[in-house]
Amino acid sequence: VLDQRQREVFRQEGALEIHLRKLSPVFDLYAISRLKLQGIAPGKYTFRVVIHDLLKGTSAAFDHPFEVTGGGG
């Protein structure tokens, strides 16, 4: 999770592992990620997901903006 200045305020590596063994390529993947950001200050943030393909040695990233409006506690 990045703040408005693109500084990392939360990181969770290895939260999801998928092991696929298929002969045909997989074009659609679906996963649910939940964040517990207790104590985070109100403001605008970016949730960045990075997917690593270990077989191909490539990565892809997806950014989703969100806003915390409550007291953060």
C-alpha atoms as a PDB file:
ATOM      1  CA  VAL A   1       0.000   0.000   0.000  1.00  0.00           C
ATOM      2  CA  LEU A   2       1.392   3.376  -1.040  1.00  0.00           C
ATOM      3  CA  ASP A   3       0.492   6.798   0.309  1.00  0.00           C
ATOM      4  CA  GLN A   4      -0.098   9.893  -1.846  1.00  0.00           C
ATOM      5  CA  ARG A   5       3.646  10.477  -2.139  1.00  0.00           C
ATOM      6  CA  GLN A   6       4.133   6.887  -3.372  1.00  0.00           C
ATOM      7  CA  ARG A   7       5.836   5.885  -0.107  1.00  0.00           C
ATOM      8  CA  GLU A   8       5.217   2.331   1.000  1.00  0.00           C
ATOM      9  CA  VAL A   9       3.145   2.211   4.201  1.00  0.00           C
ATOM     10  CA  PHE A  10       2.249  -1.505   4.206  1.00  0.00           C
ATOM     11  CA  ARG A  11       3.681  -4.621   2.541  1.00  0.00           C
ATOM     12  CA  GLN A  12       2.555  -8.227   2.574  1.00  0.00           C
ATOM     13  CA  GLU A  13       4.668 -10.553   0.459  1.00  0.00           C
ATOM     14  CA  GLY A  14       3.741 -14.110  -0.384  1.00  0.00           C
ATOM     15  CA  ALA A  15       0.100 -13.583   0.550  1.00  0.00           C
ATOM     16  CA  LEU A  16      -1.102 -15.832  -2.263  1.00  0.00           C
ATOM     17  CA  GLU A  17       0.490 -18.704  -4.140  1.00  0.00           C
ATOM     18  CA  ILE A  18      -1.115 -20.436  -7.098  1.00  0.00           C
ATOM     19  CA  HIS A  19       0.370 -23.568  -8.624  1.00  0.00           C
ATOM     20  CA  LEU A  20      -1.172 -24.309 -12.024  1.00  0.00           C
ATOM     21  CA  ARG A  21      -0.326 -27.362 -14.077  1.00  0.00           C
ATOM     22  CA  LYS A  22      -2.095 -27.019 -17.394  1.00  0.00           C
ATOM     23  CA  LEU A  23      -1.217 -27.717 -20.985  1.00  0.00           C
ATOM     24  CA  SER A  24      -3.247 -24.763 -22.235  1.00  0.00           C
ATOM     25  CA  PRO A  25      -2.603 -21.161 -21.130  1.00  0.00           C
ATOM     26  CA  VAL A  26      -4.649 -19.637 -18.322  1.00  0.00           C
ATOM     27  CA  PHE A  27      -6.021 -16.226 -19.259  1.00  0.00           C
ATOM     28  CA  ASP A  28      -8.257 -15.508 -16.252  1.00  0.00           C
ATOM     29  CA  LEU A  29      -7.311 -15.691 -12.591  1.00  0.00           C
ATOM     30  CA  TYR A  30      -9.486 -14.682  -9.646  1.00  0.00           C
ATOM     31  CA  ALA A  31      -8.248 -13.992  -6.131  1.00  0.00           C
ATOM     32  CA  ILE A  32      -9.489 -12.139  -3.059  1.00  0.00           C
ATOM     33  CA  SER A  33      -7.131 -10.044  -0.960  1.00  0.00           C
ATOM     34  CA  ARG A  34      -8.085  -8.533   2.380  1.00  0.00           C
ATOM     35  CA  LEU A  35      -6.066  -5.864   4.126  1.00  0.00           C
ATOM     36  CA  LYS A  36      -6.150  -5.060   7.831  1.00  0.00           C
ATOM     37  CA  LEU A  37      -4.789  -1.550   7.985  1.00  0.00           C
ATOM     38  CA  GLN A  38      -5.403  -0.744  11.631  1.00  0.00           C
ATOM     39  CA  GLY A  39      -4.122   2.665  12.622  1.00  0.00           C
ATOM     40  CA  ILE A  40      -3.726   3.974   9.082  1.00  0.00           C
ATOM     41  CA  ALA A  41      -4.455   7.694   8.828  1.00  0.00           C
ATOM     42  CA  PRO A  42      -7.320   8.982   6.695  1.00  0.00           C
ATOM     43  CA  GLY A  43      -6.201   9.852   3.183  1.00  0.00           C
ATOM     44  CA  LYS A  44      -5.778   8.587  -0.355  1.00  0.00           C
ATOM     45  CA  TYR A  45      -3.755   5.433  -0.964  1.00  0.00           C
ATOM     46  CA  THR A  46      -2.865   2.999  -3.731  1.00  0.00           C
ATOM     47  CA  PHE A  47      -3.224  -0.765  -3.343  1.00  0.00           C
ATOM     48  CA  ARG A  48      -0.541  -2.302  -5.576  1.00  0.00           C
ATOM     49  CA  VAL A  49      -0.696  -5.964  -6.510  1.00  0.00           C
ATOM     50  CA  VAL A  50       2.382  -7.522  -8.100  1.00  0.00           C
ATOM     51  CA  ILE A  51       2.118 -10.923  -9.765  1.00  0.00           C
ATOM     52  CA  HIS A  52       5.318 -12.891 -10.394  1.00  0.00           C
ATOM     53  CA  ASP A  53       5.386 -15.635 -13.033  1.00  0.00           C
ATOM     54  CA  LEU A  54       8.229 -17.790 -11.764  1.00  0.00           C
ATOM     55  CA  LEU A  55       8.310 -19.988 -14.872  1.00  0.00           C
ATOM     56  CA  LYS A  56       8.679 -17.109 -17.319  1.00  0.00           C
ATOM     57  CA  GLY A  57      10.634 -14.891 -14.941  1.00  0.00           C
ATOM     58  CA  THR A  58       8.262 -11.964 -15.534  1.00  0.00           C
ATOM     59  CA  SER A  59       6.123  -9.738 -13.319  1.00  0.00           C
ATOM     60  CA  ALA A  60       3.039  -7.579 -13.750  1.00  0.00           C
ATOM     61  CA  ALA A  61       1.614  -4.912 -11.433  1.00  0.00           C
ATOM     62  CA  PHE A  62      -1.879  -3.514 -10.939  1.00  0.00           C
ATOM     63  CA  ASP A  63      -2.681  -0.359  -8.963  1.00  0.00           C
ATOM     64  CA  HIS A  64      -6.069   0.320  -7.373  1.00  0.00           C
ATOM     65  CA  PRO A  65      -6.635   3.692  -5.668  1.00  0.00           C
ATOM     66  CA  PHE A  66      -8.701   3.830  -2.467  1.00  0.00           C
ATOM     67  CA  GLU A  67      -9.448   6.308   0.294  1.00  0.00           C
ATOM     68  CA  VAL A  68      -9.581   5.884   4.072  1.00  0.00           C
ATOM     69  CA  THR A  69     -12.219   8.233   5.471  1.00  0.00           C
ATOM     70  CA  GLY A  70     -12.650   7.066   9.083  1.00  0.00           C
ATOM     71  CA  GLY A  71     -10.567   7.500  12.191  1.00  0.00           C
ATOM     72  CA  GLY A  72      -8.193   4.714  11.198  1.00  0.00           C
ATOM     73  CA  GLY A  73      -8.404   3.006  14.550  1.00  0.00           C
END
